[in-house]
Amino acid sequence: MGHNRTVMQLIFLHGPAASGKLTVARELSALTGIRLFHNHLVVDALLAAFDFGSAPFVALREEFWLSVFSEAASAGTSLIFTFAPERTVHPAFVARAVKAVEAAGGKVRFVSLTVSEAEQARRIGAASRQGTGKLTAPDLLARLRQEGAFDFPPIPSELEIDTGGMPPAEAARRIAVVFQLS
C-alpha cells in the first residue's frame, strides 16, 4: 500500500508533418531525462515487412504502440511520444492510448504542436528530414492534404505551441514547466 512509485506520464506530442515534433521531443528528453518513443521507430520496423497503410501494418502499429504505453505505465516509466494524425490510424487510437495508460496507473499529457502552412512547406524539404522515412516533398504534402490524408478526429490538448514562433528548446522548456517534468 505505501509504495512511492512515480506515476508514469505519456507526453503525447501531436501535430502535422514538419511541426517540430521530433525536434521538440529530443529537446524535452534531453532536458528531463524522459525516454523518447518516436512513432517512426515502429513505422520503420513495420515497413520492412508491410506496405504503409496495409491492414497488417495498421493493426500491428497500433498494437505495438499500445503495448509499449501499457508496459511503460505499469513500470512507472514516463515516455515522450510523437504522433502525426493521419487517416491510416484508427480514429479511436487516442482514446485507446488513454485507456491503456490509465489502466496501468499512468497519465497522458497532450501537447499540440502547430505550424503555419507556409512554415510547414518551408521545413518539409529540410536536410534534417531527408533519409528518415518522413514526408519530405512539398508537392506531395499539398496533394495529401487535398486528398484528406490528414483528416483525423480532434485530439484534446492541455497545451498548444506554435513552433513557427518558438525555438525547439524553448518549446521543450515550456512543456517541462507546464507539466512539472523537471
N, C-alpha and C. Protein backbone atom coordinates (compact mmCIF):
# COMPACT_ATOMS: atom_id res chain seq x y z
N MET A 1 0.81 -1.20 0.00
CA MET A 1 0.00 0.00 0.00
C MET A 1 0.85 1.26 0.00
N GLY A 2 1.91 1.30 0.74
CA GLY A 2 2.65 2.54 0.92
C GLY A 2 3.77 2.75 -0.08
N HIS A 3 3.66 2.20 -1.27
CA HIS A 3 4.75 2.38 -2.24
C HIS A 3 4.72 3.80 -2.81
N ASN A 4 5.89 4.27 -3.21
CA ASN A 4 6.03 5.63 -3.74
C ASN A 4 6.39 5.61 -5.21
N ARG A 5 5.86 4.65 -5.94
CA ARG A 5 6.16 4.57 -7.38
C ARG A 5 5.72 5.84 -8.09
N THR A 6 6.59 6.35 -8.90
CA THR A 6 6.29 7.54 -9.68
C THR A 6 5.19 7.22 -10.70
N VAL A 7 4.25 8.12 -10.84
CA VAL A 7 3.20 7.93 -11.84
C VAL A 7 3.80 8.18 -13.22
N MET A 8 3.61 7.21 -14.08
CA MET A 8 4.08 7.34 -15.45
C MET A 8 3.30 8.43 -16.16
N GLN A 9 4.01 9.24 -16.92
CA GLN A 9 3.35 10.23 -17.77
C GLN A 9 3.74 9.95 -19.22
N LEU A 10 2.73 9.90 -20.08
CA LEU A 10 2.96 9.80 -21.52
C LEU A 10 2.77 11.20 -22.07
N ILE A 11 3.88 11.83 -22.46
CA ILE A 11 3.82 13.15 -23.05
C ILE A 11 3.57 12.93 -24.53
N PHE A 12 2.33 13.19 -24.95
CA PHE A 12 1.83 12.84 -26.28
C PHE A 12 1.90 14.10 -27.16
N LEU A 13 3.01 14.24 -27.88
CA LEU A 13 3.21 15.39 -28.77
C LEU A 13 2.57 15.07 -30.12
N HIS A 14 1.62 15.88 -30.53
CA HIS A 14 0.97 15.62 -31.81
C HIS A 14 0.91 16.90 -32.63
N GLY A 15 0.92 16.70 -33.94
CA GLY A 15 0.85 17.83 -34.85
C GLY A 15 1.15 17.37 -36.25
N PRO A 16 1.00 18.26 -37.21
CA PRO A 16 1.22 17.89 -38.61
C PRO A 16 2.69 17.64 -38.92
N ALA A 17 2.94 17.07 -40.09
CA ALA A 17 4.31 16.88 -40.57
C ALA A 17 5.05 18.21 -40.51
N ALA A 18 6.31 18.13 -40.11
CA ALA A 18 7.21 19.30 -40.05
C ALA A 18 6.79 20.34 -39.02
N SER A 19 6.00 19.93 -38.03
CA SER A 19 5.65 20.88 -36.95
C SER A 19 6.69 20.86 -35.84
N GLY A 20 7.70 20.01 -35.96
CA GLY A 20 8.79 20.00 -34.99
C GLY A 20 8.65 18.97 -33.88
N LYS A 21 7.80 17.98 -34.08
CA LYS A 21 7.56 17.00 -33.02
C LYS A 21 8.83 16.31 -32.55
N LEU A 22 9.58 15.73 -33.47
CA LEU A 22 10.79 15.00 -33.08
C LEU A 22 11.85 15.95 -32.53
N THR A 23 12.00 17.11 -33.12
CA THR A 23 12.99 18.07 -32.63
C THR A 23 12.67 18.52 -31.21
N VAL A 24 11.40 18.88 -30.97
CA VAL A 24 10.98 19.29 -29.63
C VAL A 24 11.09 18.10 -28.67
N ALA A 25 10.70 16.91 -29.12
CA ALA A 25 10.77 15.72 -28.27
C ALA A 25 12.20 15.43 -27.83
N ARG A 26 13.14 15.57 -28.76
CA ARG A 26 14.56 15.35 -28.41
C ARG A 26 15.02 16.37 -27.37
N GLU A 27 14.64 17.62 -27.56
CA GLU A 27 14.99 18.67 -26.58
C GLU A 27 14.36 18.36 -25.22
N LEU A 28 13.10 17.94 -25.22
CA LEU A 28 12.40 17.64 -23.98
C LEU A 28 13.03 16.44 -23.28
N SER A 29 13.41 15.43 -24.05
CA SER A 29 14.07 14.26 -23.48
C SER A 29 15.41 14.64 -22.85
N ALA A 30 16.19 15.46 -23.56
CA ALA A 30 17.48 15.90 -23.02
C ALA A 30 17.30 16.73 -21.75
N LEU A 31 16.27 17.54 -21.72
CA LEU A 31 16.00 18.41 -20.57
C LEU A 31 15.53 17.64 -19.35
N THR A 32 14.69 16.62 -19.58
CA THR A 32 14.02 15.94 -18.47
C THR A 32 14.53 14.53 -18.17
N GLY A 33 15.22 13.91 -19.13
CA GLY A 33 15.64 12.53 -18.97
C GLY A 33 14.53 11.53 -19.29
N ILE A 34 13.38 12.01 -19.74
CA ILE A 34 12.28 11.12 -20.11
C ILE A 34 12.61 10.48 -21.46
N ARG A 35 12.36 9.18 -21.55
CA ARG A 35 12.67 8.44 -22.78
C ARG A 35 11.78 8.88 -23.93
N LEU A 36 12.37 8.88 -25.12
CA LEU A 36 11.66 9.27 -26.34
C LEU A 36 11.25 8.03 -27.12
N PHE A 37 9.95 7.87 -27.32
CA PHE A 37 9.40 6.78 -28.12
C PHE A 37 8.79 7.41 -29.37
N HIS A 38 9.63 7.67 -30.35
CA HIS A 38 9.24 8.33 -31.59
C HIS A 38 8.42 7.36 -32.43
N ASN A 39 7.28 7.81 -32.95
CA ASN A 39 6.39 6.89 -33.68
C ASN A 39 7.05 6.22 -34.87
N HIS A 40 8.05 6.86 -35.47
CA HIS A 40 8.70 6.26 -36.64
C HIS A 40 9.52 5.03 -36.29
N LEU A 41 9.85 4.81 -35.02
CA LEU A 41 10.55 3.59 -34.64
C LEU A 41 9.71 2.38 -35.02
N VAL A 42 8.43 2.45 -34.75
CA VAL A 42 7.51 1.35 -35.07
C VAL A 42 7.19 1.35 -36.56
N VAL A 43 6.91 2.53 -37.10
CA VAL A 43 6.58 2.64 -38.52
C VAL A 43 7.72 2.06 -39.37
N ASP A 44 8.94 2.46 -39.08
CA ASP A 44 10.07 2.00 -39.88
C ASP A 44 10.26 0.49 -39.77
N ALA A 45 10.09 -0.06 -38.57
CA ALA A 45 10.23 -1.50 -38.39
C ALA A 45 9.18 -2.25 -39.22
N LEU A 46 7.95 -1.77 -39.19
CA LEU A 46 6.88 -2.45 -39.92
C LEU A 46 7.00 -2.30 -41.43
N LEU A 47 7.58 -1.20 -41.90
CA LEU A 47 7.75 -1.02 -43.34
C LEU A 47 8.71 -2.05 -43.93
N ALA A 48 9.51 -2.68 -43.09
CA ALA A 48 10.39 -3.74 -43.58
C ALA A 48 9.60 -4.94 -44.06
N ALA A 49 8.38 -5.09 -43.53
CA ALA A 49 7.58 -6.27 -43.86
C ALA A 49 6.26 -5.97 -44.56
N PHE A 50 5.72 -4.76 -44.35
CA PHE A 50 4.38 -4.45 -44.84
C PHE A 50 4.34 -3.07 -45.49
N ASP A 51 3.44 -2.90 -46.45
CA ASP A 51 3.24 -1.60 -47.06
C ASP A 51 2.55 -0.66 -46.08
N PHE A 52 2.92 0.62 -46.14
CA PHE A 52 2.29 1.63 -45.29
C PHE A 52 0.78 1.63 -45.54
N GLY A 53 0.02 1.58 -44.48
CA GLY A 53 -1.43 1.64 -44.59
C GLY A 53 -2.11 0.32 -44.84
N SER A 54 -1.33 -0.76 -45.09
CA SER A 54 -1.94 -2.08 -45.29
C SER A 54 -2.56 -2.55 -43.98
N ALA A 55 -3.48 -3.48 -44.06
CA ALA A 55 -4.18 -3.96 -42.86
C ALA A 55 -3.21 -4.48 -41.79
N PRO A 56 -2.22 -5.33 -42.15
CA PRO A 56 -1.32 -5.79 -41.09
C PRO A 56 -0.47 -4.66 -40.52
N PHE A 57 -0.04 -3.73 -41.37
CA PHE A 57 0.74 -2.58 -40.91
C PHE A 57 -0.06 -1.79 -39.87
N VAL A 58 -1.29 -1.44 -40.22
CA VAL A 58 -2.14 -0.62 -39.34
C VAL A 58 -2.40 -1.34 -38.01
N ALA A 59 -2.76 -2.61 -38.09
CA ALA A 59 -3.07 -3.37 -36.87
C ALA A 59 -1.85 -3.52 -35.96
N LEU A 60 -0.72 -3.89 -36.54
CA LEU A 60 0.48 -4.10 -35.74
C LEU A 60 1.04 -2.79 -35.19
N ARG A 61 0.96 -1.73 -35.96
CA ARG A 61 1.45 -0.42 -35.48
C ARG A 61 0.71 -0.03 -34.21
N GLU A 62 -0.62 -0.10 -34.26
CA GLU A 62 -1.40 0.30 -33.08
C GLU A 62 -1.15 -0.66 -31.92
N GLU A 63 -1.11 -1.95 -32.20
CA GLU A 63 -0.88 -2.94 -31.14
C GLU A 63 0.46 -2.67 -30.46
N PHE A 64 1.48 -2.39 -31.25
CA PHE A 64 2.80 -2.14 -30.69
C PHE A 64 2.80 -0.85 -29.85
N TRP A 65 2.25 0.22 -30.42
CA TRP A 65 2.19 1.48 -29.67
C TRP A 65 1.50 1.27 -28.33
N LEU A 66 0.32 0.65 -28.36
CA LEU A 66 -0.47 0.49 -27.13
C LEU A 66 0.22 -0.43 -26.14
N SER A 67 0.87 -1.49 -26.61
CA SER A 67 1.59 -2.39 -25.72
C SER A 67 2.74 -1.67 -25.01
N VAL A 68 3.47 -0.86 -25.76
CA VAL A 68 4.57 -0.10 -25.16
C VAL A 68 4.02 0.87 -24.11
N PHE A 69 2.95 1.57 -24.43
CA PHE A 69 2.36 2.51 -23.47
C PHE A 69 1.96 1.79 -22.18
N SER A 70 1.28 0.67 -22.33
CA SER A 70 0.78 -0.09 -21.19
C SER A 70 1.93 -0.61 -20.32
N GLU A 71 2.92 -1.21 -20.95
CA GLU A 71 4.07 -1.74 -20.21
C GLU A 71 4.86 -0.63 -19.52
N ALA A 72 5.04 0.49 -20.20
CA ALA A 72 5.77 1.61 -19.60
C ALA A 72 5.00 2.15 -18.40
N ALA A 73 3.68 2.28 -18.55
CA ALA A 73 2.87 2.77 -17.43
C ALA A 73 2.94 1.81 -16.25
N SER A 74 2.87 0.52 -16.53
CA SER A 74 2.96 -0.48 -15.46
C SER A 74 4.30 -0.40 -14.72
N ALA A 75 5.35 -0.08 -15.47
CA ALA A 75 6.69 0.01 -14.89
C ALA A 75 6.99 1.39 -14.29
N GLY A 76 6.07 2.34 -14.47
CA GLY A 76 6.32 3.69 -13.97
C GLY A 76 7.34 4.45 -14.80
N THR A 77 7.51 4.06 -16.06
CA THR A 77 8.48 4.69 -16.96
C THR A 77 7.78 5.70 -17.86
N SER A 78 8.03 6.97 -17.64
CA SER A 78 7.43 8.01 -18.47
C SER A 78 8.04 7.97 -19.86
N LEU A 79 7.23 8.39 -20.84
CA LEU A 79 7.65 8.41 -22.23
C LEU A 79 7.20 9.69 -22.90
N ILE A 80 7.95 10.09 -23.91
CA ILE A 80 7.54 11.14 -24.83
C ILE A 80 7.21 10.42 -26.14
N PHE A 81 6.02 10.66 -26.66
CA PHE A 81 5.57 10.01 -27.89
C PHE A 81 5.24 11.08 -28.91
N THR A 82 5.68 10.88 -30.15
CA THR A 82 5.37 11.81 -31.24
C THR A 82 4.34 11.18 -32.14
N PHE A 83 3.35 11.96 -32.56
CA PHE A 83 2.25 11.42 -33.34
C PHE A 83 1.77 12.44 -34.36
N ALA A 84 1.72 11.99 -35.63
CA ALA A 84 1.18 12.82 -36.70
C ALA A 84 -0.18 12.25 -37.08
N PRO A 85 -1.25 12.92 -36.73
CA PRO A 85 -2.58 12.40 -37.06
C PRO A 85 -2.76 12.25 -38.57
N GLU A 86 -3.21 11.08 -38.98
CA GLU A 86 -3.48 10.84 -40.40
C GLU A 86 -4.46 9.68 -40.52
N ARG A 87 -5.04 9.54 -41.70
CA ARG A 87 -6.20 8.67 -41.86
C ARG A 87 -5.93 7.18 -41.77
N THR A 88 -4.67 6.71 -41.80
CA THR A 88 -4.45 5.27 -41.65
C THR A 88 -4.48 4.84 -40.18
N VAL A 89 -4.52 5.81 -39.27
CA VAL A 89 -4.62 5.50 -37.84
C VAL A 89 -6.10 5.43 -37.48
N HIS A 90 -6.48 4.41 -36.74
CA HIS A 90 -7.88 4.24 -36.34
C HIS A 90 -8.32 5.47 -35.53
N PRO A 91 -9.52 6.00 -35.82
CA PRO A 91 -9.99 7.19 -35.10
C PRO A 91 -10.06 7.00 -33.58
N ALA A 92 -10.18 5.76 -33.11
CA ALA A 92 -10.25 5.50 -31.67
C ALA A 92 -8.88 5.33 -31.03
N PHE A 93 -7.80 5.45 -31.80
CA PHE A 93 -6.46 5.22 -31.24
C PHE A 93 -6.16 6.08 -30.03
N VAL A 94 -6.47 7.36 -30.10
CA VAL A 94 -6.13 8.26 -28.99
C VAL A 94 -6.86 7.83 -27.72
N ALA A 95 -8.14 7.51 -27.84
CA ALA A 95 -8.90 7.04 -26.67
C ALA A 95 -8.33 5.72 -26.16
N ARG A 96 -7.92 4.84 -27.06
CA ARG A 96 -7.33 3.57 -26.65
C ARG A 96 -6.00 3.80 -25.93
N ALA A 97 -5.23 4.77 -26.39
CA ALA A 97 -3.95 5.09 -25.74
C ALA A 97 -4.20 5.57 -24.32
N VAL A 98 -5.17 6.46 -24.15
CA VAL A 98 -5.50 6.96 -22.81
C VAL A 98 -5.93 5.79 -21.92
N LYS A 99 -6.77 4.94 -22.44
CA LYS A 99 -7.26 3.79 -21.67
C LYS A 99 -6.10 2.87 -21.25
N ALA A 100 -5.20 2.58 -22.19
CA ALA A 100 -4.06 1.69 -21.90
C ALA A 100 -3.17 2.27 -20.82
N VAL A 101 -2.90 3.56 -20.89
CA VAL A 101 -2.02 4.21 -19.92
C VAL A 101 -2.72 4.32 -18.56
N GLU A 102 -3.96 4.78 -18.56
CA GLU A 102 -4.67 4.97 -17.29
C GLU A 102 -4.97 3.64 -16.60
N ALA A 103 -5.23 2.59 -17.36
CA ALA A 103 -5.49 1.27 -16.77
C ALA A 103 -4.28 0.75 -16.00
N ALA A 104 -3.09 1.21 -16.39
CA ALA A 104 -1.86 0.79 -15.72
C ALA A 104 -1.37 1.86 -14.72
N GLY A 105 -2.23 2.84 -14.43
CA GLY A 105 -1.89 3.84 -13.42
C GLY A 105 -1.16 5.06 -13.91
N GLY A 106 -1.05 5.24 -15.21
CA GLY A 106 -0.36 6.40 -15.76
C GLY A 106 -1.30 7.51 -16.17
N LYS A 107 -0.71 8.56 -16.71
CA LYS A 107 -1.48 9.73 -17.15
C LYS A 107 -0.94 10.20 -18.49
N VAL A 108 -1.86 10.52 -19.42
CA VAL A 108 -1.47 11.05 -20.73
C VAL A 108 -1.58 12.56 -20.68
N ARG A 109 -0.53 13.23 -21.15
CA ARG A 109 -0.49 14.69 -21.22
C ARG A 109 -0.36 15.07 -22.68
N PHE A 110 -1.38 15.73 -23.21
CA PHE A 110 -1.42 16.06 -24.64
C PHE A 110 -0.86 17.44 -24.91
N VAL A 111 0.05 17.50 -25.89
CA VAL A 111 0.64 18.75 -26.35
C VAL A 111 0.45 18.83 -27.86
N SER A 112 -0.22 19.87 -28.32
CA SER A 112 -0.43 20.10 -29.74
C SER A 112 0.65 21.05 -30.25
N LEU A 113 1.41 20.60 -31.25
CA LEU A 113 2.39 21.47 -31.90
C LEU A 113 1.76 21.91 -33.22
N THR A 114 1.73 23.20 -33.43
CA THR A 114 1.15 23.74 -34.66
C THR A 114 2.21 24.49 -35.44
N VAL A 115 1.93 24.68 -36.71
CA VAL A 115 2.84 25.42 -37.58
C VAL A 115 2.00 25.93 -38.74
N SER A 116 2.32 27.12 -39.23
CA SER A 116 1.59 27.66 -40.37
C SER A 116 1.90 26.81 -41.60
N GLU A 117 0.98 26.83 -42.56
CA GLU A 117 1.21 26.07 -43.80
C GLU A 117 2.46 26.56 -44.52
N ALA A 118 2.72 27.87 -44.48
CA ALA A 118 3.91 28.41 -45.15
C ALA A 118 5.19 27.89 -44.49
N GLU A 119 5.23 27.88 -43.16
CA GLU A 119 6.41 27.39 -42.44
C GLU A 119 6.54 25.88 -42.63
N GLN A 120 5.43 25.17 -42.63
CA GLN A 120 5.45 23.73 -42.86
C GLN A 120 6.05 23.42 -44.23
N ALA A 121 5.62 24.14 -45.25
CA ALA A 121 6.13 23.94 -46.61
C ALA A 121 7.63 24.24 -46.67
N ARG A 122 8.07 25.26 -45.92
CA ARG A 122 9.50 25.60 -45.89
C ARG A 122 10.31 24.48 -45.24
N ARG A 123 9.78 23.92 -44.16
CA ARG A 123 10.51 22.90 -43.40
C ARG A 123 10.49 21.52 -44.05
N ILE A 124 9.46 21.21 -44.80
CA ILE A 124 9.22 19.84 -45.25
C ILE A 124 10.39 19.25 -46.03
N GLY A 125 11.10 20.06 -46.77
CA GLY A 125 12.24 19.57 -47.55
C GLY A 125 13.58 19.74 -46.86
N ALA A 126 13.58 20.06 -45.58
CA ALA A 126 14.83 20.32 -44.85
C ALA A 126 15.76 19.10 -44.88
N ALA A 127 17.03 19.38 -44.89
CA ALA A 127 18.04 18.32 -44.93
C ALA A 127 17.87 17.35 -43.77
N SER A 128 17.47 17.86 -42.61
CA SER A 128 17.32 17.01 -41.43
C SER A 128 16.23 15.96 -41.60
N ARG A 129 15.31 16.17 -42.54
CA ARG A 129 14.21 15.22 -42.77
C ARG A 129 14.57 14.17 -43.82
N GLN A 130 15.61 14.42 -44.60
CA GLN A 130 15.99 13.51 -45.67
C GLN A 130 16.49 12.19 -45.09
N GLY A 131 16.12 11.09 -45.72
CA GLY A 131 16.61 9.78 -45.31
C GLY A 131 15.99 9.27 -44.02
N THR A 132 14.90 9.89 -43.56
CA THR A 132 14.29 9.49 -42.30
C THR A 132 13.01 8.69 -42.48
N GLY A 133 12.54 8.60 -43.71
CA GLY A 133 11.25 7.97 -43.95
C GLY A 133 10.10 8.93 -43.74
N LYS A 134 10.42 10.17 -43.39
CA LYS A 134 9.40 11.20 -43.19
C LYS A 134 9.01 11.83 -44.53
N LEU A 135 7.89 12.49 -44.51
CA LEU A 135 7.41 13.23 -45.68
C LEU A 135 8.38 14.39 -45.95
N THR A 136 8.90 14.46 -47.19
CA THR A 136 9.92 15.47 -47.50
C THR A 136 9.62 16.30 -48.75
N ALA A 137 8.51 16.02 -49.44
CA ALA A 137 8.22 16.71 -50.69
C ALA A 137 7.03 17.66 -50.52
N PRO A 138 7.25 18.97 -50.71
CA PRO A 138 6.15 19.93 -50.55
C PRO A 138 4.95 19.64 -51.46
N ASP A 139 5.21 19.18 -52.70
CA ASP A 139 4.10 18.90 -53.61
C ASP A 139 3.28 17.69 -53.13
N LEU A 140 3.96 16.68 -52.58
CA LEU A 140 3.26 15.52 -52.03
C LEU A 140 2.45 15.93 -50.80
N LEU A 141 3.02 16.77 -49.96
CA LEU A 141 2.30 17.28 -48.79
C LEU A 141 1.01 17.96 -49.22
N ALA A 142 1.10 18.82 -50.22
CA ALA A 142 -0.08 19.56 -50.70
C ALA A 142 -1.13 18.59 -51.27
N ARG A 143 -0.68 17.59 -52.02
CA ARG A 143 -1.61 16.63 -52.60
C ARG A 143 -2.28 15.79 -51.51
N LEU A 144 -1.50 15.33 -50.54
CA LEU A 144 -2.06 14.54 -49.44
C LEU A 144 -3.06 15.35 -48.63
N ARG A 145 -2.74 16.62 -48.39
CA ARG A 145 -3.66 17.49 -47.65
C ARG A 145 -4.98 17.62 -48.41
N GLN A 146 -4.87 17.84 -49.74
CA GLN A 146 -6.05 17.99 -50.58
C GLN A 146 -6.89 16.71 -50.60
N GLU A 147 -6.23 15.56 -50.55
CA GLU A 147 -6.93 14.27 -50.58
C GLU A 147 -7.51 13.88 -49.22
N GLY A 148 -7.25 14.67 -48.20
CA GLY A 148 -7.79 14.37 -46.87
C GLY A 148 -6.96 13.36 -46.08
N ALA A 149 -5.71 13.17 -46.46
CA ALA A 149 -4.86 12.18 -45.79
C ALA A 149 -4.63 12.51 -44.31
N PHE A 150 -4.77 13.76 -43.94
CA PHE A 150 -4.50 14.15 -42.56
C PHE A 150 -5.78 14.36 -41.76
N ASP A 151 -6.91 13.95 -42.34
CA ASP A 151 -8.18 14.06 -41.63
C ASP A 151 -8.14 13.10 -40.44
N PHE A 152 -8.42 13.60 -39.28
CA PHE A 152 -8.39 12.80 -38.05
C PHE A 152 -9.23 13.54 -37.02
N PRO A 153 -9.93 12.79 -36.18
CA PRO A 153 -10.74 13.49 -35.15
C PRO A 153 -9.86 14.40 -34.30
N PRO A 154 -10.42 15.49 -33.81
CA PRO A 154 -9.63 16.40 -32.96
C PRO A 154 -9.04 15.66 -31.76
N ILE A 155 -7.82 16.02 -31.40
CA ILE A 155 -7.14 15.42 -30.25
C ILE A 155 -7.13 16.46 -29.13
N PRO A 156 -7.52 16.07 -27.94
CA PRO A 156 -7.51 17.03 -26.84
C PRO A 156 -6.09 17.49 -26.54
N SER A 157 -5.96 18.72 -26.09
CA SER A 157 -4.63 19.21 -25.75
C SER A 157 -4.69 20.08 -24.51
N GLU A 158 -3.74 19.84 -23.63
CA GLU A 158 -3.61 20.68 -22.44
C GLU A 158 -2.74 21.89 -22.75
N LEU A 159 -1.96 21.77 -23.81
CA LEU A 159 -1.01 22.82 -24.17
C LEU A 159 -0.88 22.85 -25.68
N GLU A 160 -0.90 24.06 -26.26
CA GLU A 160 -0.69 24.22 -27.69
C GLU A 160 0.49 25.16 -27.89
N ILE A 161 1.41 24.75 -28.76
CA ILE A 161 2.60 25.56 -29.03
C ILE A 161 2.74 25.74 -30.54
N ASP A 162 2.84 26.98 -30.97
CA ASP A 162 3.12 27.29 -32.38
C ASP A 162 4.64 27.25 -32.53
N THR A 163 5.14 26.19 -33.17
CA THR A 163 6.58 26.03 -33.29
C THR A 163 7.20 26.96 -34.33
N GLY A 164 6.36 27.62 -35.11
CA GLY A 164 6.88 28.60 -36.06
C GLY A 164 7.38 29.84 -35.34
N GLY A 165 6.88 30.06 -34.14
CA GLY A 165 7.26 31.25 -33.39
C GLY A 165 8.03 30.97 -32.12
N MET A 166 8.47 29.73 -31.93
CA MET A 166 9.18 29.38 -30.71
C MET A 166 10.28 28.36 -31.01
N PRO A 167 11.51 28.65 -30.62
CA PRO A 167 12.59 27.68 -30.85
C PRO A 167 12.32 26.36 -30.10
N PRO A 168 12.80 25.23 -30.63
CA PRO A 168 12.54 23.93 -30.02
C PRO A 168 12.92 23.84 -28.54
N ALA A 169 14.07 24.39 -28.17
CA ALA A 169 14.50 24.31 -26.77
C ALA A 169 13.53 25.07 -25.86
N GLU A 170 13.01 26.19 -26.34
CA GLU A 170 12.04 26.95 -25.56
C GLU A 170 10.72 26.20 -25.46
N ALA A 171 10.30 25.56 -26.56
CA ALA A 171 9.08 24.76 -26.53
C ALA A 171 9.22 23.64 -25.50
N ALA A 172 10.37 22.99 -25.48
CA ALA A 172 10.62 21.90 -24.52
C ALA A 172 10.58 22.44 -23.09
N ARG A 173 11.19 23.59 -22.87
CA ARG A 173 11.16 24.18 -21.51
C ARG A 173 9.73 24.49 -21.09
N ARG A 174 8.95 25.00 -22.02
CA ARG A 174 7.56 25.33 -21.70
C ARG A 174 6.77 24.07 -21.31
N ILE A 175 6.94 23.00 -22.07
CA ILE A 175 6.27 21.74 -21.76
C ILE A 175 6.70 21.24 -20.38
N ALA A 176 8.00 21.28 -20.12
CA ALA A 176 8.53 20.80 -18.84
C ALA A 176 7.97 21.60 -17.67
N VAL A 177 7.83 22.90 -17.85
CA VAL A 177 7.29 23.75 -16.78
C VAL A 177 5.80 23.49 -16.58
N VAL A 178 5.03 23.48 -17.66
CA VAL A 178 3.59 23.28 -17.56
C VAL A 178 3.26 21.95 -16.90
N PHE A 179 3.99 20.89 -17.25
CA PHE A 179 3.71 19.56 -16.71
C PHE A 179 4.61 19.18 -15.53
N GLN A 180 5.41 20.13 -15.08
CA GLN A 180 6.29 19.92 -13.92
C GLN A 180 7.14 18.67 -14.10
N LEU A 181 7.86 18.62 -15.21
CA LEU A 181 8.64 17.43 -15.57
C LEU A 181 10.08 17.47 -15.10
N SER A 182 10.58 18.66 -14.74
CA SER A 182 11.99 18.70 -14.31
C SER A 182 12.16 19.51 -13.06
